[in-house]
Amino acid sequence: MRDRRSRSTIEVMVERVQPGPGQESVWDYPRPPVVVPSDEPVVVQLGGEVVARSRAALRVLETSHPPTYYLPRTDFSPGALEPAPGSSWCEFKGRAAYLTVVGGGRRAEAAAWTYPHPSPGYEELVDHVALYPGRMDLVLVDGERVVPQEGGFYGGWITSRVVGPFKGAPGTTGW
């Protein structure tokens, strides 16, 4: 099956991977994105130390993107999050503030973000933190190692639960 997605004036043909049993296709996710609660166990390690452990994550699901997991700030170890310079803008969620993740003597500068005052419809994200899994030593969802989304900007978490293709790789800017 081929999906035709129009983004601005660019039209792209994408070969959608058919999901198997228990899988989701990111091409079935909506745009604008939705926030979905998850009770899957999530563990994040940096510097050989667990810096976050949660069973109360929020998954943000958006067309062509692997899910981004937002963990309650209270599920991070004390001192694991520090304010970092910079911010970015999401057309849906609003202005994100960056955070540095600290653990086991390591610092991952601006490796996490939060929405202190998200746009209407995304209020659930207040006091939740997302992070780039590729900048951590290890990120597990339900015991499975997370593969980071390609590219340096997006923070999607790829597990065997989701199929693509995924935005982020070279040539996917127009998706």
N, C-alpha and C. Protein backbone atom coordinates (compact mmCIF):
# COMPACT_ATOMS: atom_id res chain seq x y z
N MET A 1 0.84 -1.18 0.00
CA MET A 1 0.00 0.00 0.00
C MET A 1 0.88 1.24 0.00
N ARG A 2 0.51 2.22 -0.77
CA ARG A 2 1.27 3.48 -0.81
C ARG A 2 0.41 4.58 -0.22
N ASP A 3 1.03 5.40 0.59
CA ASP A 3 0.36 6.54 1.18
C ASP A 3 0.84 7.80 0.50
N ARG A 4 -0.08 8.65 0.14
CA ARG A 4 0.28 9.94 -0.45
C ARG A 4 0.02 10.99 0.62
N ARG A 5 1.07 11.65 1.04
CA ARG A 5 0.97 12.68 2.06
C ARG A 5 1.40 14.01 1.45
N SER A 6 0.60 15.03 1.58
CA SER A 6 0.94 16.33 1.05
C SER A 6 1.41 17.22 2.19
N ARG A 7 2.58 17.76 2.07
CA ARG A 7 3.15 18.67 3.05
C ARG A 7 3.51 19.95 2.31
N SER A 8 2.81 21.04 2.61
CA SER A 8 2.97 22.30 1.91
C SER A 8 2.75 22.05 0.43
N THR A 9 3.73 22.42 -0.40
CA THR A 9 3.58 22.21 -1.83
C THR A 9 4.32 20.96 -2.30
N ILE A 10 4.90 20.22 -1.37
CA ILE A 10 5.66 19.02 -1.71
C ILE A 10 4.76 17.80 -1.57
N GLU A 11 4.72 16.97 -2.59
CA GLU A 11 3.96 15.73 -2.51
C GLU A 11 4.94 14.58 -2.50
N VAL A 12 4.77 13.67 -1.56
CA VAL A 12 5.71 12.59 -1.35
C VAL A 12 4.98 11.25 -1.42
N MET A 13 5.60 10.29 -2.08
CA MET A 13 5.08 8.93 -2.08
C MET A 13 5.94 8.13 -1.11
N VAL A 14 5.28 7.50 -0.15
CA VAL A 14 5.98 6.76 0.89
C VAL A 14 5.46 5.33 0.89
N GLU A 15 6.37 4.38 0.90
CA GLU A 15 5.99 2.97 0.98
C GLU A 15 5.77 2.62 2.45
N ARG A 16 4.52 2.51 2.85
CA ARG A 16 4.14 2.24 4.23
C ARG A 16 4.42 0.77 4.55
N VAL A 17 5.06 0.51 5.69
CA VAL A 17 5.30 -0.85 6.15
C VAL A 17 4.02 -1.34 6.82
N GLN A 18 3.55 -2.50 6.42
CA GLN A 18 2.34 -3.07 7.00
C GLN A 18 2.64 -3.58 8.41
N PRO A 19 1.90 -3.09 9.43
CA PRO A 19 2.18 -3.57 10.79
C PRO A 19 1.76 -5.03 10.97
N GLY A 20 2.54 -5.74 11.76
CA GLY A 20 2.20 -7.12 12.11
C GLY A 20 1.39 -7.14 13.40
N PRO A 21 1.08 -8.32 13.90
CA PRO A 21 0.33 -8.42 15.16
C PRO A 21 1.04 -7.67 16.29
N GLY A 22 0.29 -6.85 17.00
CA GLY A 22 0.83 -6.10 18.13
C GLY A 22 1.66 -4.89 17.75
N GLN A 23 1.72 -4.56 16.46
CA GLN A 23 2.49 -3.41 16.00
C GLN A 23 1.58 -2.26 15.59
N GLU A 24 2.17 -1.07 15.53
CA GLU A 24 1.50 0.14 15.06
C GLU A 24 2.30 0.71 13.91
N SER A 25 1.63 1.28 12.92
CA SER A 25 2.30 2.02 11.86
C SER A 25 2.24 3.50 12.21
N VAL A 26 3.38 4.16 12.10
CA VAL A 26 3.40 5.60 12.37
C VAL A 26 2.58 6.36 11.33
N TRP A 27 2.25 5.71 10.23
CA TRP A 27 1.43 6.34 9.20
C TRP A 27 -0.05 6.30 9.57
N ASP A 28 -0.39 5.57 10.64
CA ASP A 28 -1.76 5.59 11.16
C ASP A 28 -1.91 6.60 12.29
N TYR A 29 -0.82 7.19 12.75
CA TYR A 29 -0.88 8.22 13.79
C TYR A 29 -1.47 9.50 13.18
N PRO A 30 -2.13 10.31 13.99
CA PRO A 30 -2.78 11.52 13.46
C PRO A 30 -1.84 12.71 13.34
N ARG A 31 -2.30 13.70 12.66
CA ARG A 31 -1.68 15.02 12.59
C ARG A 31 -2.81 16.02 12.66
N PRO A 32 -2.91 16.87 13.67
CA PRO A 32 -1.94 17.08 14.72
C PRO A 32 -1.80 15.88 15.65
N PRO A 33 -0.67 15.84 16.38
CA PRO A 33 -0.40 14.69 17.25
C PRO A 33 -1.36 14.58 18.42
N VAL A 34 -1.43 13.37 18.98
CA VAL A 34 -2.23 13.12 20.17
C VAL A 34 -1.31 12.66 21.30
N VAL A 35 -1.80 12.84 22.53
CA VAL A 35 -1.08 12.41 23.73
C VAL A 35 -1.83 11.21 24.30
N VAL A 36 -1.10 10.10 24.49
CA VAL A 36 -1.70 8.86 24.95
C VAL A 36 -0.94 8.36 26.17
N PRO A 37 -1.62 8.09 27.29
CA PRO A 37 -0.93 7.54 28.47
C PRO A 37 -0.38 6.14 28.20
N SER A 38 0.72 5.82 28.87
CA SER A 38 1.33 4.50 28.75
C SER A 38 1.77 4.03 30.13
N ASP A 39 1.46 2.77 30.45
CA ASP A 39 1.94 2.22 31.73
C ASP A 39 3.11 1.26 31.51
N GLU A 40 3.68 1.26 30.30
CA GLU A 40 4.85 0.42 30.03
C GLU A 40 6.00 0.87 30.93
N PRO A 41 6.78 -0.06 31.46
CA PRO A 41 7.94 0.36 32.25
C PRO A 41 9.00 0.99 31.34
N VAL A 42 9.48 2.16 31.75
CA VAL A 42 10.53 2.88 31.03
C VAL A 42 11.70 3.09 31.99
N VAL A 43 12.91 2.77 31.51
CA VAL A 43 14.13 2.96 32.29
C VAL A 43 15.13 3.72 31.43
N VAL A 44 15.76 4.74 32.02
CA VAL A 44 16.76 5.55 31.32
C VAL A 44 18.05 5.53 32.14
N GLN A 45 19.18 5.20 31.47
CA GLN A 45 20.48 5.18 32.13
C GLN A 45 21.44 6.15 31.46
N LEU A 46 22.23 6.82 32.28
CA LEU A 46 23.31 7.69 31.81
C LEU A 46 24.47 7.55 32.78
N GLY A 47 25.67 7.38 32.26
CA GLY A 47 26.84 7.21 33.12
C GLY A 47 26.75 5.96 33.97
N GLY A 48 26.04 4.94 33.46
CA GLY A 48 25.90 3.69 34.20
C GLY A 48 24.92 3.76 35.36
N GLU A 49 24.20 4.86 35.46
CA GLU A 49 23.26 5.08 36.57
C GLU A 49 21.85 5.26 36.02
N VAL A 50 20.86 4.72 36.72
CA VAL A 50 19.47 4.94 36.33
C VAL A 50 19.10 6.37 36.72
N VAL A 51 18.75 7.18 35.71
CA VAL A 51 18.38 8.58 35.97
C VAL A 51 16.87 8.78 35.93
N ALA A 52 16.15 7.80 35.36
CA ALA A 52 14.68 7.88 35.34
C ALA A 52 14.10 6.48 35.26
N ARG A 53 12.99 6.33 35.94
CA ARG A 53 12.25 5.06 35.93
C ARG A 53 10.77 5.45 36.04
N SER A 54 9.95 4.95 35.10
CA SER A 54 8.54 5.36 35.10
C SER A 54 7.63 4.26 34.60
N ARG A 55 6.39 4.30 35.09
CA ARG A 55 5.29 3.51 34.56
C ARG A 55 4.11 4.43 34.30
N ALA A 56 4.42 5.73 34.11
CA ALA A 56 3.37 6.73 33.92
C ALA A 56 3.75 7.70 32.81
N ALA A 57 4.34 7.17 31.74
CA ALA A 57 4.76 8.01 30.62
C ALA A 57 3.55 8.44 29.78
N LEU A 58 3.80 9.48 29.01
CA LEU A 58 2.85 9.91 27.98
C LEU A 58 3.53 9.72 26.64
N ARG A 59 2.84 9.09 25.70
CA ARG A 59 3.36 8.92 24.33
C ARG A 59 2.73 9.98 23.45
N VAL A 60 3.55 10.73 22.72
CA VAL A 60 3.04 11.67 21.73
C VAL A 60 3.17 10.98 20.38
N LEU A 61 2.02 10.85 19.71
CA LEU A 61 1.95 10.11 18.45
C LEU A 61 1.59 11.08 17.33
N GLU A 62 2.46 11.13 16.31
CA GLU A 62 2.26 12.03 15.18
C GLU A 62 2.63 11.32 13.88
N THR A 63 1.86 11.54 12.84
CA THR A 63 2.09 10.92 11.54
C THR A 63 3.57 10.98 11.16
N SER A 64 4.10 9.84 10.77
CA SER A 64 5.46 9.62 10.26
C SER A 64 6.55 9.63 11.32
N HIS A 65 6.21 9.88 12.58
CA HIS A 65 7.20 9.93 13.66
C HIS A 65 7.04 8.74 14.60
N PRO A 66 8.16 8.13 15.01
CA PRO A 66 8.04 7.16 16.09
C PRO A 66 7.56 7.90 17.35
N PRO A 67 6.93 7.22 18.28
CA PRO A 67 6.44 7.88 19.48
C PRO A 67 7.57 8.59 20.24
N THR A 68 7.23 9.70 20.84
CA THR A 68 8.13 10.36 21.79
C THR A 68 7.51 10.15 23.16
N TYR A 69 8.31 9.64 24.08
CA TYR A 69 7.83 9.37 25.44
C TYR A 69 8.18 10.57 26.33
N TYR A 70 7.19 11.03 27.07
CA TYR A 70 7.37 12.10 28.05
C TYR A 70 7.17 11.48 29.43
N LEU A 71 8.18 11.60 30.28
CA LEU A 71 8.15 11.01 31.61
C LEU A 71 7.84 12.09 32.65
N PRO A 72 7.08 11.75 33.67
CA PRO A 72 6.85 12.73 34.73
C PRO A 72 8.19 13.19 35.31
N ARG A 73 8.31 14.47 35.52
CA ARG A 73 9.55 15.02 36.10
C ARG A 73 9.88 14.33 37.42
N THR A 74 8.86 13.95 38.17
CA THR A 74 9.08 13.30 39.47
C THR A 74 9.66 11.89 39.34
N ASP A 75 9.66 11.32 38.13
CA ASP A 75 10.22 9.99 37.91
C ASP A 75 11.71 10.02 37.57
N PHE A 76 12.29 11.22 37.56
CA PHE A 76 13.74 11.37 37.37
C PHE A 76 14.41 11.42 38.74
N SER A 77 15.62 10.91 38.83
CA SER A 77 16.39 10.96 40.07
C SER A 77 16.65 12.41 40.45
N PRO A 78 16.74 12.70 41.75
CA PRO A 78 17.08 14.05 42.18
C PRO A 78 18.41 14.49 41.55
N GLY A 79 18.43 15.68 40.99
CA GLY A 79 19.64 16.22 40.37
C GLY A 79 19.91 15.75 38.96
N ALA A 80 19.04 14.91 38.40
CA ALA A 80 19.27 14.37 37.05
C ALA A 80 18.92 15.37 35.95
N LEU A 81 18.17 16.41 36.27
CA LEU A 81 17.77 17.40 35.26
C LEU A 81 18.22 18.79 35.68
N GLU A 82 18.87 19.48 34.75
CA GLU A 82 19.29 20.86 34.97
C GLU A 82 18.83 21.71 33.79
N PRO A 83 18.44 22.96 34.03
CA PRO A 83 18.07 23.83 32.92
C PRO A 83 19.25 23.98 31.95
N ALA A 84 18.94 24.06 30.66
CA ALA A 84 19.95 24.24 29.62
C ALA A 84 19.55 25.44 28.77
N PRO A 85 20.53 26.09 28.15
CA PRO A 85 20.18 27.21 27.28
C PRO A 85 19.45 26.73 26.03
N GLY A 86 18.65 27.62 25.47
CA GLY A 86 17.99 27.34 24.21
C GLY A 86 16.56 26.90 24.36
N SER A 87 15.86 26.96 23.25
CA SER A 87 14.48 26.52 23.17
C SER A 87 14.16 26.23 21.71
N SER A 88 13.02 25.62 21.50
CA SER A 88 12.55 25.38 20.13
C SER A 88 11.04 25.55 20.12
N TRP A 89 10.48 25.58 18.92
CA TRP A 89 9.06 25.82 18.75
C TRP A 89 8.43 24.67 17.99
N CYS A 90 7.34 24.14 18.52
CA CYS A 90 6.54 23.14 17.83
C CYS A 90 5.23 23.80 17.44
N GLU A 91 4.84 23.64 16.20
CA GLU A 91 3.61 24.27 15.73
C GLU A 91 2.37 23.79 16.50
N PHE A 92 2.46 22.64 17.15
CA PHE A 92 1.33 22.09 17.89
C PHE A 92 1.46 22.30 19.39
N LYS A 93 2.62 21.97 19.93
CA LYS A 93 2.78 21.96 21.39
C LYS A 93 3.28 23.28 21.97
N GLY A 94 3.87 24.15 21.14
CA GLY A 94 4.35 25.44 21.61
C GLY A 94 5.85 25.47 21.85
N ARG A 95 6.28 26.32 22.80
CA ARG A 95 7.70 26.53 23.07
C ARG A 95 8.23 25.49 24.05
N ALA A 96 9.30 24.80 23.64
CA ALA A 96 9.96 23.81 24.49
C ALA A 96 11.19 24.44 25.13
N ALA A 97 11.44 24.10 26.38
CA ALA A 97 12.65 24.49 27.09
C ALA A 97 13.55 23.27 27.20
N TYR A 98 14.88 23.47 27.03
CA TYR A 98 15.82 22.36 27.06
C TYR A 98 16.36 22.10 28.46
N LEU A 99 16.74 20.84 28.66
CA LEU A 99 17.30 20.40 29.94
C LEU A 99 18.54 19.56 29.67
N THR A 100 19.50 19.65 30.57
CA THR A 100 20.68 18.78 30.54
C THR A 100 20.40 17.61 31.48
N VAL A 101 20.75 16.41 31.02
CA VAL A 101 20.57 15.21 31.84
C VAL A 101 21.92 14.86 32.47
N VAL A 102 21.91 14.59 33.79
CA VAL A 102 23.13 14.32 34.54
C VAL A 102 23.00 12.97 35.24
N GLY A 103 24.04 12.13 35.10
CA GLY A 103 24.01 10.84 35.78
C GLY A 103 25.35 10.16 35.73
N GLY A 104 25.77 9.53 36.82
CA GLY A 104 27.00 8.74 36.85
C GLY A 104 28.22 9.52 36.43
N GLY A 105 28.28 10.81 36.75
CA GLY A 105 29.43 11.63 36.38
C GLY A 105 29.41 12.11 34.94
N ARG A 106 28.35 11.83 34.19
CA ARG A 106 28.22 12.29 32.79
C ARG A 106 27.17 13.36 32.70
N ARG A 107 27.33 14.20 31.68
CA ARG A 107 26.36 15.26 31.39
C ARG A 107 25.98 15.16 29.91
N ALA A 108 24.71 15.08 29.64
CA ALA A 108 24.20 15.09 28.26
C ALA A 108 23.52 16.45 28.09
N GLU A 109 24.28 17.39 27.53
CA GLU A 109 23.83 18.78 27.40
C GLU A 109 22.63 18.88 26.47
N ALA A 110 21.60 19.58 26.94
CA ALA A 110 20.39 19.84 26.15
C ALA A 110 19.84 18.57 25.51
N ALA A 111 19.88 17.47 26.24
CA ALA A 111 19.44 16.17 25.73
C ALA A 111 17.98 15.88 26.06
N ALA A 112 17.31 16.81 26.73
CA ALA A 112 15.91 16.63 27.11
C ALA A 112 15.17 17.95 26.93
N TRP A 113 13.86 17.87 26.89
CA TRP A 113 13.06 19.08 26.76
C TRP A 113 11.73 18.91 27.48
N THR A 114 11.11 20.05 27.74
CA THR A 114 9.83 20.08 28.42
C THR A 114 9.02 21.25 27.89
N TYR A 115 7.72 21.19 28.07
CA TYR A 115 6.83 22.28 27.67
C TYR A 115 6.23 22.87 28.94
N PRO A 116 6.85 23.93 29.51
CA PRO A 116 6.32 24.52 30.74
C PRO A 116 4.92 25.10 30.57
N HIS A 117 4.64 25.64 29.38
CA HIS A 117 3.34 26.25 29.09
C HIS A 117 2.89 25.81 27.70
N PRO A 118 2.48 24.54 27.55
CA PRO A 118 2.14 24.04 26.21
C PRO A 118 0.89 24.71 25.65
N SER A 119 0.76 24.59 24.36
CA SER A 119 -0.41 25.12 23.66
C SER A 119 -1.68 24.38 24.10
N PRO A 120 -2.84 25.01 23.94
CA PRO A 120 -4.10 24.33 24.28
C PRO A 120 -4.20 22.97 23.58
N GLY A 121 -4.66 22.00 24.35
CA GLY A 121 -4.78 20.64 23.85
C GLY A 121 -3.63 19.75 24.28
N TYR A 122 -2.55 20.37 24.78
CA TYR A 122 -1.36 19.61 25.18
C TYR A 122 -0.99 19.88 26.64
N GLU A 123 -1.95 20.32 27.42
CA GLU A 123 -1.71 20.64 28.83
C GLU A 123 -1.20 19.44 29.62
N GLU A 124 -1.50 18.23 29.19
CA GLU A 124 -1.02 17.02 29.89
C GLU A 124 0.50 16.96 29.96
N LEU A 125 1.19 17.66 29.05
CA LEU A 125 2.65 17.59 28.99
C LEU A 125 3.33 18.43 30.07
N VAL A 126 2.59 19.28 30.77
CA VAL A 126 3.18 20.06 31.86
C VAL A 126 3.81 19.10 32.87
N ASP A 127 5.00 19.45 33.34
CA ASP A 127 5.73 18.64 34.33
C ASP A 127 6.13 17.26 33.80
N HIS A 128 6.25 17.14 32.48
CA HIS A 128 6.76 15.92 31.84
C HIS A 128 7.98 16.28 31.01
N VAL A 129 8.88 15.33 30.85
CA VAL A 129 10.15 15.56 30.18
C VAL A 129 10.37 14.47 29.13
N ALA A 130 10.74 14.91 27.92
CA ALA A 130 11.13 13.98 26.86
C ALA A 130 12.65 14.07 26.71
N LEU A 131 13.24 13.02 26.16
CA LEU A 131 14.69 13.08 25.95
C LEU A 131 15.07 12.33 24.67
N TYR A 132 16.26 12.66 24.19
CA TYR A 132 16.80 11.99 23.01
C TYR A 132 17.41 10.67 23.45
N PRO A 133 16.83 9.54 23.07
CA PRO A 133 17.36 8.26 23.53
C PRO A 133 18.79 8.00 23.06
N GLY A 134 19.18 8.55 21.92
CA GLY A 134 20.53 8.34 21.41
C GLY A 134 21.60 9.05 22.21
N ARG A 135 21.22 9.96 23.09
CA ARG A 135 22.19 10.68 23.91
C ARG A 135 22.34 10.05 25.30
N MET A 136 21.58 9.01 25.55
CA MET A 136 21.66 8.28 26.81
C MET A 136 22.46 7.00 26.59
N ASP A 137 22.93 6.38 27.68
CA ASP A 137 23.62 5.09 27.57
C ASP A 137 22.65 4.00 27.17
N LEU A 138 21.47 4.05 27.76
CA LEU A 138 20.48 3.00 27.54
C LEU A 138 19.10 3.54 27.86
N VAL A 139 18.14 3.24 26.97
CA VAL A 139 16.73 3.53 27.22
C VAL A 139 15.96 2.25 26.92
N LEU A 140 15.15 1.83 27.87
CA LEU A 140 14.35 0.62 27.72
C LEU A 140 12.87 0.96 27.84
N VAL A 141 12.07 0.35 26.97
CA VAL A 141 10.61 0.40 27.09
C VAL A 141 10.14 -1.04 27.16
N ASP A 142 9.50 -1.37 28.26
CA ASP A 142 9.01 -2.73 28.49
C ASP A 142 10.13 -3.76 28.30
N GLY A 143 11.34 -3.40 28.75
CA GLY A 143 12.49 -4.30 28.67
C GLY A 143 13.21 -4.31 27.35
N GLU A 144 12.71 -3.60 26.35
CA GLU A 144 13.33 -3.58 25.02
C GLU A 144 14.15 -2.31 24.83
N ARG A 145 15.37 -2.47 24.29
CA ARG A 145 16.24 -1.32 24.03
C ARG A 145 15.64 -0.44 22.93
N VAL A 146 15.56 0.85 23.21
CA VAL A 146 15.04 1.82 22.26
C VAL A 146 16.11 2.20 21.24
N VAL A 147 15.71 2.29 19.98
CA VAL A 147 16.57 2.78 18.91
C VAL A 147 16.16 4.23 18.65
N PRO A 148 17.12 5.16 18.61
CA PRO A 148 16.75 6.55 18.38
C PRO A 148 16.31 6.81 16.94
N GLN A 149 15.40 7.75 16.80
CA GLN A 149 14.97 8.20 15.48
C GLN A 149 16.17 8.87 14.79
N GLU A 150 16.31 8.64 13.50
CA GLU A 150 17.42 9.24 12.76
C GLU A 150 17.29 10.76 12.74
N GLY A 151 18.41 11.42 12.50
CA GLY A 151 18.44 12.87 12.42
C GLY A 151 18.72 13.47 13.79
N GLY A 152 19.11 14.71 13.81
CA GLY A 152 19.49 15.33 15.06
C GLY A 152 18.40 16.12 15.74
N PHE A 153 17.24 16.26 15.12
CA PHE A 153 16.22 17.14 15.69
C PHE A 153 15.11 16.40 16.41
N TYR A 154 14.59 15.36 15.79
CA TYR A 154 13.44 14.66 16.36
C TYR A 154 13.88 13.68 17.44
N GLY A 155 13.00 13.45 18.42
CA GLY A 155 13.35 12.60 19.55
C GLY A 155 12.49 11.37 19.67
N GLY A 156 12.13 10.75 18.55
CA GLY A 156 11.29 9.56 18.59
C GLY A 156 12.01 8.35 19.13
N TRP A 157 11.22 7.45 19.71
CA TRP A 157 11.73 6.21 20.31
C TRP A 157 11.23 5.04 19.48
N ILE A 158 12.13 4.31 18.84
CA ILE A 158 11.75 3.19 17.99
C ILE A 158 11.93 1.88 18.77
N THR A 159 10.86 1.10 18.82
CA THR A 159 10.88 -0.25 19.36
C THR A 159 10.24 -1.16 18.32
N SER A 160 10.22 -2.45 18.59
CA SER A 160 9.61 -3.40 17.65
C SER A 160 8.10 -3.19 17.56
N ARG A 161 7.55 -2.40 18.44
CA ARG A 161 6.11 -2.12 18.44
C ARG A 161 5.68 -1.23 17.27
N VAL A 162 6.60 -0.43 16.72
CA VAL A 162 6.25 0.51 15.66
C VAL A 162 6.98 0.22 14.37
N VAL A 163 6.29 0.50 13.25
CA VAL A 163 6.89 0.35 11.93
C VAL A 163 6.74 1.66 11.17
N GLY A 164 7.58 1.88 10.21
CA GLY A 164 7.65 3.14 9.46
C GLY A 164 7.24 3.00 8.02
N PRO A 165 7.98 3.69 7.18
CA PRO A 165 9.24 4.39 7.43
C PRO A 165 9.04 5.61 8.32
N PHE A 166 10.16 6.05 8.94
CA PHE A 166 10.13 7.13 9.91
C PHE A 166 10.75 8.39 9.35
N LYS A 167 10.16 9.52 9.69
CA LYS A 167 10.74 10.81 9.34
C LYS A 167 12.04 10.99 10.13
N GLY A 168 12.98 11.74 9.56
CA GLY A 168 14.22 12.04 10.25
C GLY A 168 15.45 11.69 9.43
N ALA A 169 15.34 10.64 8.63
CA ALA A 169 16.47 10.22 7.79
C ALA A 169 16.67 11.23 6.65
N PRO A 170 17.85 11.26 6.05
CA PRO A 170 18.06 12.15 4.91
C PRO A 170 16.97 11.94 3.83
N GLY A 171 16.47 13.04 3.30
CA GLY A 171 15.46 12.98 2.25
C GLY A 171 14.03 12.96 2.74
N THR A 172 13.82 13.05 4.07
CA THR A 172 12.46 12.98 4.62
C THR A 172 11.93 14.33 5.09
N THR A 173 12.66 15.38 4.84
CA THR A 173 12.27 16.71 5.33
C THR A 173 10.87 17.10 4.87
N GLY A 174 10.48 16.76 3.66
CA GLY A 174 9.18 17.16 3.14
C GLY A 174 8.00 16.31 3.57
N TRP A 175 8.23 15.29 4.37
CA TRP A 175 7.13 14.43 4.79
C TRP A 175 6.20 15.15 5.72
